[in-house]
Amino acid sequence: MWIRRNGIEKKIGSSKKLVSLCSVQPVPMAAAVHHHLHLHLHFHLLLRPPPRQPSVFFTPRPVPPTRLRSSLQPPTCHLAVAPFEEADQREDKEEFVVVTFYKLVPVEDPRADVAAHLHFLQGRDIHGRIYMNEQGINAQYSGPRKDATAYADWLRKDHHFSDILVQISPALNGHAFPRLRLRYKQSLVQLEGGSCHLPLVEPSMRASPLTPSEWREKLEARKRGETEAAGDTCERKLLLLDVRNDYEWDIGHFEGAKRPNVDCFRSTSFGLSEQEIDPTDPLHGVDKENTDILMYCTGGIRCDVYSTILRDKGFGNLYTLKGGVSNYLKSEGCAEWVGNLFVFDDRLSLPPAKFAEEGDAGEEGGIDNGKPPSSSSQWLGRCYVCGSAVEELRHRNCASIDCNRLYLCCGWCLEELRGCCCSECQSAPRLRPLLPGHQRYDKWHLYRDDTSTISS
């Protein structure tokens, strides 16, 4: 047996010699036995070969840094650790989406449904606006794809909403809404006088829905100047009605649609003018029997609601775009459409390609339906201040708290007026600071009483 002592290897023949080499002094019997066992164990450990390094590579489960604290000393044996795979890192990054849907249908107890929806969403990361009443539901929300789609799938289990059209678009940077507001609301959309008295749940009182492909065919036939009704000896006219706000039209619209003279849907009054001549009303003087009115908005609900008002005014040939412009861009691309689409969340403006990302190639009515796009999505907006061309189709709010107008602005006017929409607002008493880039102001009421953020 070989042993190393003081840097010198020596050969010994028995455990007795091993003990003698250690110069053990005579001690009582019990202590001697204990001391002998201790030395035997000590030299047994010295003679044991060093541990081999493990050859197995493993990837530790990622944990938050706060969980790595320990009062224990680090181990002396070091294991080789394999690096994280890129796929694992991608899985850690949640994909956020924006989901929109609505359904006009009788609901017996909407307040109970609100409570059930809130219960289902507990523990799920959902932000947005979800309103319910006796006439249905209107929802726009954002969240991780898993949570966002789980809510829509759960809603479809209710027979009232089994056929609901759910539209999904990509979120640009996490949540597109600051918080969740899910509640009972008397009107699903903002309209002067409310909408609870309108026959929204009666399909016959609403406009006839057209699929995106049918809508496109109508627009193409209109451009060719062909008769819309086969066998009709009287040439029918077609009027394209944008049921949105003027600032929405400014960044994108269907070709041939006139700019609405409305800055808030609440005050929309198309077809209601009592004056003999009203140039601001696109439906004034229209032949109600021989004119097909094609109505469109972002997601479809505003058209459905307003079409019941026009029905009551005697307009019989009403058509709406099913699912609105967002559904059309997903199915038909930018055909007959110019510019971007305004959306009522933190994204503000989306190009047509963003909706196509969520489309399924090859489906009926999809983008690869064999029809080449008939127009380009290129569109130059106009600066609200000087009227010059604006390439960046993204609105901003006026820096004046009392104005807060949404408007397009060129870079020169933005700097010259310090974020205001006009010189009058620039001299307003309560101004917010100019924000660079795509930054947005907080809700204006947060600045209203906070003098520390108001410039003098």
Protein backbone atom coordinates (compact mmCIF):
# COMPACT_ATOMS: atom_id res chain seq x y z
CA MET A 1 0.00 0.00 0.00
CA TRP A 2 1.33 3.44 -0.90
CA ILE A 3 0.71 6.58 1.12
CA ARG A 4 1.71 10.19 0.60
CA ARG A 5 2.96 12.05 3.70
CA ASN A 6 4.67 15.43 3.73
CA GLY A 7 5.07 15.25 -0.03
CA ILE A 8 6.89 11.84 0.14
CA GLU A 9 5.34 8.58 -1.03
CA LYS A 10 6.05 5.54 1.20
CA LYS A 11 5.11 1.89 0.89
CA ILE A 12 3.64 0.19 3.94
CA GLY A 13 2.62 -3.41 4.36
CA SER A 14 -0.08 -3.33 7.02
CA SER A 15 -2.40 -1.07 8.93
CA LYS A 16 -0.12 -1.37 11.98
CA LYS A 17 2.74 0.29 10.12
CA LEU A 18 0.23 2.85 8.87
CA VAL A 19 -0.59 3.77 12.46
CA SER A 20 3.06 3.83 13.55
CA LEU A 21 3.96 6.28 10.84
CA CYS A 22 1.61 8.75 12.40
CA SER A 23 3.56 8.84 15.73
CA VAL A 24 0.55 8.05 17.92
CA GLN A 25 1.17 8.58 21.68
CA PRO A 26 -0.08 5.97 24.21
CA VAL A 27 -3.58 6.78 25.39
CA PRO A 28 -6.26 4.99 27.39
CA MET A 29 -7.99 2.03 25.73
CA ALA A 30 -11.31 3.74 24.80
CA ALA A 31 -9.56 6.84 23.49
CA ALA A 32 -7.07 4.70 21.58
CA VAL A 33 -9.82 2.80 19.80
CA HIS A 34 -11.59 6.04 18.89
CA HIS A 35 -8.34 7.61 17.71
CA HIS A 36 -7.47 4.54 15.64
CA LEU A 37 -10.84 4.58 13.87
CA HIS A 38 -10.50 8.30 13.17
CA LEU A 39 -7.06 7.84 11.59
CA HIS A 40 -8.25 4.85 9.58
CA LEU A 41 -11.12 6.87 8.14
CA HIS A 42 -8.86 9.85 7.46
CA PHE A 43 -6.35 7.79 5.45
CA HIS A 44 -9.17 5.94 3.68
CA LEU A 45 -10.38 9.26 2.32
CA LEU A 46 -6.85 10.24 1.30
CA LEU A 47 -6.34 7.01 -0.59
CA ARG A 48 -9.73 7.24 -2.44
CA PRO A 49 -9.26 8.39 -6.04
CA PRO A 50 -10.59 11.92 -6.83
CA PRO A 51 -14.21 12.05 -8.12
CA ARG A 52 -14.64 12.02 -11.86
CA GLN A 53 -16.23 15.03 -13.52
CA PRO A 54 -19.73 14.10 -14.68
CA SER A 55 -20.10 13.78 -18.40
CA VAL A 56 -23.81 14.60 -18.46
CA PHE A 57 -24.77 18.09 -19.66
CA PHE A 58 -28.00 19.52 -18.41
CA THR A 59 -29.93 22.73 -18.80
CA PRO A 60 -31.07 24.11 -15.47
CA ARG A 61 -34.66 25.22 -15.17
CA PRO A 62 -34.73 29.03 -15.40
CA VAL A 63 -35.80 30.65 -12.14
CA PRO A 64 -36.02 34.28 -11.06
CA PRO A 65 -32.79 35.72 -9.65
CA THR A 66 -34.35 36.12 -6.22
CA ARG A 67 -34.65 32.35 -5.89
CA LEU A 68 -30.89 31.84 -6.27
CA ARG A 69 -30.06 33.15 -2.80
CA SER A 70 -28.72 30.48 -0.42
CA SER A 71 -26.85 30.33 2.89
CA LEU A 72 -25.03 27.16 1.79
CA GLN A 73 -21.49 27.20 0.52
CA PRO A 74 -21.10 26.49 -3.19
CA PRO A 75 -20.20 22.87 -4.01
CA THR A 76 -16.61 22.00 -4.80
CA CYS A 77 -17.65 19.76 -7.67
CA HIS A 78 -18.40 21.85 -10.80
CA LEU A 79 -20.75 20.47 -13.46
CA ALA A 80 -20.52 21.63 -17.02
CA VAL A 81 -23.72 23.48 -17.99
CA ALA A 82 -25.04 23.57 -21.54
CA PRO A 83 -26.21 27.00 -22.82
CA PHE A 84 -29.89 27.84 -23.23
CA GLU A 85 -31.36 27.04 -26.59
CA GLU A 86 -32.79 29.91 -28.61
CA ALA A 87 -36.09 28.07 -28.85
CA ASP A 88 -36.42 28.05 -25.06
CA GLN A 89 -35.81 31.78 -24.98
CA ARG A 90 -38.50 32.36 -27.60
CA GLU A 91 -40.97 30.33 -25.57
CA ASP A 92 -40.37 32.61 -22.59
CA LYS A 93 -41.50 35.63 -24.64
CA GLU A 94 -45.28 35.72 -24.74
CA GLU A 95 -46.94 36.80 -27.97
CA PHE A 96 -49.54 39.50 -27.36
CA VAL A 97 -52.52 39.95 -29.67
CA VAL A 98 -55.54 42.24 -29.94
CA VAL A 99 -58.96 40.59 -30.22
CA THR A 100 -62.18 42.27 -31.34
CA PHE A 101 -65.71 40.96 -31.72
CA TYR A 102 -69.31 41.97 -31.25
CA LYS A 103 -72.72 40.34 -31.49
CA LEU A 104 -76.17 41.92 -31.53
CA VAL A 105 -78.46 39.34 -29.95
CA PRO A 106 -81.04 39.32 -27.14
CA VAL A 107 -79.47 38.67 -23.73
CA GLU A 108 -81.81 37.82 -20.87
CA ASP A 109 -79.64 38.73 -17.88
CA PRO A 110 -76.59 40.70 -19.03
CA ARG A 111 -75.54 41.67 -15.49
CA ALA A 112 -75.30 38.01 -14.52
CA ASP A 113 -73.30 37.40 -17.68
CA VAL A 114 -70.91 40.20 -16.73
CA ALA A 115 -70.30 38.50 -13.39
CA ALA A 116 -69.66 35.18 -15.13
CA HIS A 117 -67.22 36.79 -17.56
CA LEU A 118 -65.33 38.51 -14.76
CA HIS A 119 -65.08 35.19 -12.92
CA PHE A 120 -63.69 33.44 -15.99
CA LEU A 121 -61.09 36.17 -16.56
CA GLN A 122 -59.72 35.96 -13.02
CA GLY A 123 -56.06 35.03 -13.25
CA ARG A 124 -55.92 35.78 -16.99
CA ASP A 125 -53.91 38.67 -18.35
CA ILE A 126 -56.60 40.57 -20.27
CA HIS A 127 -56.83 44.37 -20.77
CA GLY A 128 -59.46 46.15 -22.81
CA ARG A 129 -63.08 47.28 -23.12
CA ILE A 130 -65.85 44.67 -22.92
CA TYR A 131 -69.43 45.93 -22.70
CA MET A 132 -72.63 43.93 -22.39
CA ASN A 133 -76.34 44.74 -22.24
CA GLU A 134 -79.70 43.32 -23.31
CA GLN A 135 -78.71 43.79 -26.97
CA GLY A 136 -75.47 41.82 -26.97
CA ILE A 137 -71.75 42.31 -26.47
CA ASN A 138 -69.00 44.57 -27.85
CA ALA A 139 -65.39 43.69 -27.01
CA GLN A 140 -61.90 44.92 -27.82
CA TYR A 141 -59.08 43.60 -25.67
CA SER A 142 -55.44 42.55 -25.65
CA GLY A 143 -53.43 39.86 -23.92
CA PRO A 144 -51.14 36.88 -24.40
CA ARG A 145 -52.47 34.77 -27.26
CA LYS A 146 -53.27 31.86 -24.96
CA ASP A 147 -55.42 33.95 -22.60
CA ALA A 148 -56.96 36.05 -25.37
CA THR A 149 -58.13 33.09 -27.44
CA ALA A 150 -59.24 31.13 -24.35
CA TYR A 151 -61.76 33.86 -23.54
CA ALA A 152 -63.17 33.88 -27.08
CA ASP A 153 -63.39 30.08 -27.12
CA TRP A 154 -65.18 30.12 -23.78
CA LEU A 155 -67.67 32.69 -25.06
CA ARG A 156 -68.48 30.56 -28.11
CA LYS A 157 -69.77 27.83 -25.79
CA ASP A 158 -72.75 30.10 -25.09
CA HIS A 159 -75.36 29.36 -27.78
CA HIS A 160 -76.03 33.10 -28.12
CA PHE A 161 -72.46 33.66 -29.34
CA SER A 162 -71.55 30.33 -30.97
CA ASP A 163 -71.21 31.91 -34.44
CA ILE A 164 -69.45 35.09 -33.37
CA LEU A 165 -66.77 36.47 -35.73
CA VAL A 166 -63.55 36.82 -33.72
CA GLN A 167 -60.84 38.98 -35.28
CA ILE A 168 -57.21 38.81 -34.13
CA SER A 169 -54.41 41.20 -35.00
CA PRO A 170 -50.86 41.47 -33.62
CA ALA A 171 -50.11 43.76 -30.71
CA LEU A 172 -47.06 45.93 -31.32
CA ASN A 173 -45.63 46.08 -27.81
CA GLY A 174 -47.44 44.15 -25.12
CA HIS A 175 -50.88 45.33 -24.05
CA ALA A 176 -52.75 47.75 -26.33
CA PHE A 177 -55.07 48.85 -23.51
CA PRO A 178 -54.13 50.20 -20.07
CA ARG A 179 -56.53 48.05 -18.01
CA LEU A 180 -59.65 45.89 -18.19
CA ARG A 181 -63.11 47.45 -18.17
CA LEU A 182 -65.79 44.77 -18.30
CA ARG A 183 -69.20 46.04 -17.30
CA TYR A 184 -72.84 46.51 -18.15
CA LYS A 185 -73.42 49.51 -20.41
CA GLN A 186 -76.71 50.88 -21.68
CA SER A 187 -75.34 51.55 -25.19
CA LEU A 188 -72.81 49.28 -26.85
CA VAL A 189 -71.62 52.25 -28.96
CA GLN A 190 -71.62 55.96 -28.23
CA LEU A 191 -74.55 57.56 -30.05
CA GLU A 192 -76.51 60.72 -29.39
CA GLY A 193 -79.64 59.70 -27.51
CA GLY A 194 -78.30 56.20 -26.90
CA SER A 195 -79.05 53.01 -28.84
CA CYS A 196 -81.11 50.93 -26.41
CA HIS A 197 -84.34 52.06 -28.13
CA LEU A 198 -83.16 50.94 -31.59
CA PRO A 199 -84.20 47.53 -33.02
CA LEU A 200 -80.61 46.26 -33.08
CA VAL A 201 -81.47 42.62 -32.38
CA GLU A 202 -83.81 42.38 -35.39
CA PRO A 203 -81.71 41.33 -38.42
CA SER A 204 -84.36 42.59 -40.86
CA MET A 205 -83.94 46.12 -39.51
CA ARG A 206 -80.21 46.11 -40.05
CA ALA A 207 -78.34 46.43 -43.34
CA SER A 208 -77.62 43.28 -45.36
CA PRO A 209 -74.07 42.04 -44.66
CA LEU A 210 -71.67 41.45 -47.56
CA THR A 211 -68.64 39.19 -47.32
CA PRO A 212 -65.28 40.81 -48.13
CA SER A 213 -65.23 39.18 -51.58
CA GLU A 214 -68.79 40.36 -52.34
CA TRP A 215 -67.86 43.84 -51.17
CA ARG A 216 -64.85 43.89 -53.46
CA GLU A 217 -66.95 42.80 -56.42
CA LYS A 218 -69.36 45.66 -55.75
CA LEU A 219 -66.54 48.19 -55.69
CA GLU A 220 -64.94 46.82 -58.86
CA ALA A 221 -68.29 46.86 -60.66
CA ARG A 222 -68.76 50.44 -59.54
CA LYS A 223 -65.41 51.40 -61.03
CA ARG A 224 -66.29 49.76 -64.32
CA GLY A 225 -69.60 51.59 -64.37
CA GLU A 226 -71.58 48.39 -64.79
CA THR A 227 -75.18 47.92 -63.70
CA GLU A 228 -75.30 46.52 -60.17
CA ALA A 229 -78.61 44.63 -60.52
CA ALA A 230 -78.76 42.06 -63.32
CA GLY A 231 -81.77 42.54 -65.60
CA ASP A 232 -82.62 45.93 -64.13
CA THR A 233 -83.46 48.29 -66.99
CA CYS A 234 -82.90 51.28 -64.76
CA GLU A 235 -79.25 51.90 -64.00
CA ARG A 236 -78.73 51.76 -60.26
CA LYS A 237 -76.39 54.02 -58.42
CA LEU A 238 -73.96 53.03 -55.70
CA LEU A 239 -72.95 55.30 -52.83
CA LEU A 240 -70.00 54.42 -50.62
CA LEU A 241 -70.61 55.70 -47.09
CA ASP A 242 -67.79 55.92 -44.56
CA VAL A 243 -69.49 55.63 -41.15
CA ARG A 244 -66.42 56.68 -39.19
CA ASN A 245 -64.79 59.91 -38.04
CA ASP A 246 -62.92 62.37 -40.23
CA TYR A 247 -59.55 61.66 -38.61
CA GLU A 248 -59.99 57.95 -39.36
CA TRP A 249 -60.58 58.69 -43.04
CA ASP A 250 -57.44 60.88 -43.10
CA ILE A 251 -55.06 57.93 -42.77
CA GLY A 252 -56.96 55.39 -44.88
CA HIS A 253 -60.24 54.69 -46.68
CA PHE A 254 -61.82 52.91 -49.64
CA GLU A 255 -61.29 54.61 -52.96
CA GLY A 256 -64.24 56.81 -53.83
CA ALA A 257 -65.48 57.25 -50.25
CA LYS A 258 -66.03 60.85 -49.22
CA ARG A 259 -64.46 62.22 -46.07
CA PRO A 260 -67.14 62.27 -43.33
CA ASN A 261 -67.73 65.64 -41.76
CA VAL A 262 -67.85 64.11 -38.28
CA ASP A 263 -65.22 64.06 -35.54
CA CYS A 264 -67.20 61.81 -33.19
CA PHE A 265 -69.58 58.97 -34.09
CA ARG A 266 -71.90 60.13 -31.33
CA SER A 267 -72.89 63.13 -33.46
CA THR A 268 -73.33 61.28 -36.78
CA SER A 269 -76.41 62.50 -38.62
CA PHE A 270 -76.15 61.14 -42.18
CA GLY A 271 -79.55 61.05 -43.86
CA LEU A 272 -81.24 62.98 -41.08
CA SER A 273 -80.94 66.50 -42.44
CA GLU A 274 -84.19 68.43 -42.73
CA GLN A 275 -82.66 71.20 -44.86
CA GLU A 276 -83.30 71.52 -48.58
CA ILE A 277 -79.60 71.66 -49.32
CA ASP A 278 -76.96 70.22 -47.00
CA PRO A 279 -73.53 69.71 -48.59
CA THR A 280 -72.20 68.09 -45.41
CA ASP A 281 -74.70 65.21 -45.64
CA PRO A 282 -73.68 62.60 -48.26
CA LEU A 283 -77.18 61.07 -48.17
CA HIS A 284 -79.04 64.33 -48.70
CA GLY A 285 -81.21 64.15 -51.84
CA VAL A 286 -80.27 60.54 -52.60
CA ASP A 287 -82.79 58.41 -54.52
CA LYS A 288 -83.67 55.97 -51.76
CA GLU A 289 -85.21 53.37 -54.11
CA ASN A 290 -82.53 53.24 -56.82
CA THR A 291 -79.36 53.78 -54.78
CA ASP A 292 -77.40 51.00 -53.13
CA ILE A 293 -75.71 52.38 -50.03
CA LEU A 294 -72.57 50.54 -49.01
CA MET A 295 -71.69 51.33 -45.40
CA TYR A 296 -68.37 50.51 -43.76
CA CYS A 297 -66.52 51.12 -40.49
CA THR A 298 -63.58 49.55 -38.64
CA GLY A 299 -65.20 46.40 -37.23
CA GLY A 300 -68.83 46.60 -38.35
CA ILE A 301 -70.82 47.46 -35.24
CA ARG A 302 -71.23 51.16 -36.00
CA CYS A 303 -72.72 50.32 -39.40
CA ASP A 304 -75.11 47.77 -37.93
CA VAL A 305 -76.31 50.26 -35.34
CA TYR A 306 -76.66 53.22 -37.71
CA SER A 307 -78.33 51.19 -40.44
CA THR A 308 -81.38 50.72 -38.20
CA ILE A 309 -81.75 54.51 -38.11
CA LEU A 310 -81.53 54.74 -41.91
CA ARG A 311 -84.07 51.94 -42.29
CA ASP A 312 -86.48 53.98 -40.24
CA LYS A 313 -85.83 56.95 -42.58
CA GLY A 314 -86.85 54.96 -45.65
CA PHE A 315 -83.46 53.83 -47.01
CA GLY A 316 -84.18 50.32 -48.26
CA ASN A 317 -81.01 49.27 -50.12
CA LEU A 318 -78.50 49.17 -47.30
CA TYR A 319 -75.39 46.96 -47.25
CA THR A 320 -72.63 46.63 -44.70
CA LEU A 321 -69.15 45.10 -44.85
CA LYS A 322 -69.21 42.01 -42.64
CA GLY A 323 -66.53 42.32 -39.98
CA GLY A 324 -65.66 45.82 -41.17
CA VAL A 325 -62.45 46.99 -42.77
CA SER A 326 -60.27 44.84 -40.49
CA ASN A 327 -61.93 41.67 -41.79
CA TYR A 328 -61.68 42.92 -45.38
CA LEU A 329 -57.94 43.65 -45.15
CA LYS A 330 -57.34 40.20 -43.73
CA SER A 331 -59.24 38.52 -46.59
CA GLU A 332 -58.70 40.78 -49.62
CA GLY A 333 -55.57 42.72 -48.78
CA CYS A 334 -55.38 46.36 -49.87
CA ALA A 335 -57.56 45.95 -52.98
CA GLU A 336 -59.62 49.16 -53.37
CA TRP A 337 -58.19 50.40 -50.08
CA VAL A 338 -55.62 53.17 -49.66
CA GLY A 339 -53.58 53.95 -46.56
CA ASN A 340 -53.67 52.47 -43.08
CA LEU A 341 -56.52 51.62 -40.74
CA PHE A 342 -57.13 53.67 -37.62
CA VAL A 343 -57.73 51.55 -34.51
CA PHE A 344 -58.96 52.68 -31.11
CA ASP A 345 -56.10 51.41 -28.96
CA ASP A 346 -52.48 52.27 -28.28
CA ARG A 347 -51.45 51.17 -31.78
CA LEU A 348 -53.56 53.94 -33.41
CA SER A 349 -52.62 53.04 -36.98
CA LEU A 350 -52.06 49.67 -38.68
CA PRO A 351 -50.99 48.95 -42.29
CA PRO A 352 -52.99 46.33 -44.24
CA ALA A 353 -50.11 43.84 -44.00
CA LYS A 354 -50.59 43.57 -40.22
CA PHE A 355 -54.05 42.09 -40.72
CA ALA A 356 -52.80 39.75 -43.42
CA GLU A 357 -50.32 38.27 -40.90
CA GLU A 358 -53.23 36.67 -39.06
CA GLY A 359 -54.90 35.43 -42.28
CA ASP A 360 -54.76 31.82 -43.39
CA ALA A 361 -53.42 31.47 -46.92
CA GLY A 362 -55.55 29.35 -49.19
CA GLU A 363 -58.86 29.82 -47.39
CA GLU A 364 -61.89 30.91 -49.33
CA GLY A 365 -61.85 34.67 -49.52
CA GLY A 366 -58.19 34.75 -48.52
CA ILE A 367 -55.56 37.00 -49.95
CA ASP A 368 -54.31 34.38 -52.40
CA ASN A 369 -57.75 34.05 -53.99
CA GLY A 370 -56.37 34.53 -57.47
CA LYS A 371 -57.38 38.19 -57.70
CA PRO A 372 -54.50 40.64 -57.92
CA PRO A 373 -54.87 43.73 -55.77
CA SER A 374 -56.37 46.55 -57.79
CA SER A 375 -54.80 49.39 -55.85
CA SER A 376 -51.81 50.19 -53.73
CA SER A 377 -51.97 50.86 -50.03
CA GLN A 378 -49.64 53.84 -50.49
CA TRP A 379 -51.32 56.96 -49.18
CA LEU A 380 -50.03 60.33 -48.10
CA GLY A 381 -51.97 62.06 -45.38
CA ARG A 382 -52.14 65.81 -44.99
CA CYS A 383 -50.78 67.88 -42.16
CA TYR A 384 -53.69 69.41 -40.26
CA VAL A 385 -51.75 72.66 -39.80
CA CYS A 386 -50.10 73.42 -43.16
CA GLY A 387 -51.65 70.84 -45.50
CA SER A 388 -48.33 69.34 -46.61
CA ALA A 389 -47.97 65.63 -47.34
CA VAL A 390 -47.38 63.38 -44.33
CA GLU A 391 -45.90 59.92 -44.88
CA GLU A 392 -46.21 58.74 -41.28
CA LEU A 393 -49.91 57.94 -40.90
CA ARG A 394 -50.07 58.19 -37.14
CA HIS A 395 -52.11 60.67 -35.15
CA ARG A 396 -51.10 62.57 -32.08
CA ASN A 397 -53.08 64.59 -29.53
CA CYS A 398 -52.86 68.34 -29.29
CA ALA A 399 -50.69 69.43 -26.38
CA SER A 400 -53.47 71.68 -25.13
CA ILE A 401 -55.43 69.82 -22.47
CA ASP A 402 -58.60 71.71 -23.32
CA CYS A 403 -58.32 70.77 -27.01
CA ASN A 404 -56.79 67.26 -27.08
CA ARG A 405 -57.55 66.98 -30.82
CA LEU A 406 -56.34 63.91 -32.71
CA TYR A 407 -54.56 65.13 -35.81
CA LEU A 408 -51.82 64.41 -38.34
CA CYS A 409 -48.84 66.73 -38.28
CA CYS A 410 -45.62 67.17 -40.24
CA GLY A 411 -42.31 67.41 -38.41
CA TRP A 412 -41.85 71.12 -39.03
CA CYS A 413 -45.25 72.14 -37.63
CA LEU A 414 -44.81 69.76 -34.72
CA GLU A 415 -41.65 71.57 -33.59
CA GLU A 416 -42.91 75.03 -34.51
CA LEU A 417 -46.14 74.73 -32.49
CA ARG A 418 -44.62 72.54 -29.76
CA GLY A 419 -47.16 69.76 -30.24
CA CYS A 420 -50.22 72.00 -30.60
CA CYS A 421 -52.65 71.80 -33.49
CA CYS A 422 -52.85 75.59 -34.01
CA SER A 423 -51.40 78.87 -32.77
CA GLU A 424 -54.45 79.47 -30.61
CA CYS A 425 -53.85 76.25 -28.70
CA GLN A 426 -50.19 77.15 -28.36
CA SER A 427 -51.21 80.12 -26.18
CA ALA A 428 -53.64 78.04 -24.10
CA PRO A 429 -53.10 78.21 -20.32
CA ARG A 430 -52.73 74.45 -19.81
CA LEU A 431 -50.20 72.79 -22.09
CA ARG A 432 -48.53 69.41 -21.90
CA PRO A 433 -44.88 69.04 -22.93
CA LEU A 434 -44.00 68.01 -26.48
CA LEU A 435 -43.43 64.26 -26.64
CA PRO A 436 -40.78 62.90 -29.00
CA GLY A 437 -41.29 60.06 -31.45
CA HIS A 438 -44.31 57.80 -31.00
CA GLN A 439 -44.81 58.52 -27.33
CA ARG A 440 -48.38 59.24 -26.29
CA TYR A 441 -49.82 61.39 -23.56
CA ASP A 442 -51.54 59.76 -20.62
CA LYS A 443 -55.28 60.22 -20.40
CA TRP A 444 -55.89 63.95 -20.56
CA HIS A 445 -57.84 64.04 -17.28
CA LEU A 446 -54.68 62.94 -15.45
CA TYR A 447 -53.06 66.24 -16.46
CA ARG A 448 -56.13 68.36 -15.75
CA ASP A 449 -55.49 68.89 -12.05
CA ASP A 450 -51.75 68.21 -11.98
CA THR A 451 -50.11 71.61 -12.32
CA SER A 452 -46.62 70.12 -12.08
CA THR A 453 -46.92 68.72 -15.62
CA ILE A 454 -48.40 71.86 -17.15
CA SER A 455 -46.04 74.22 -18.91
CA SER A 456 -46.50 77.92 -18.34
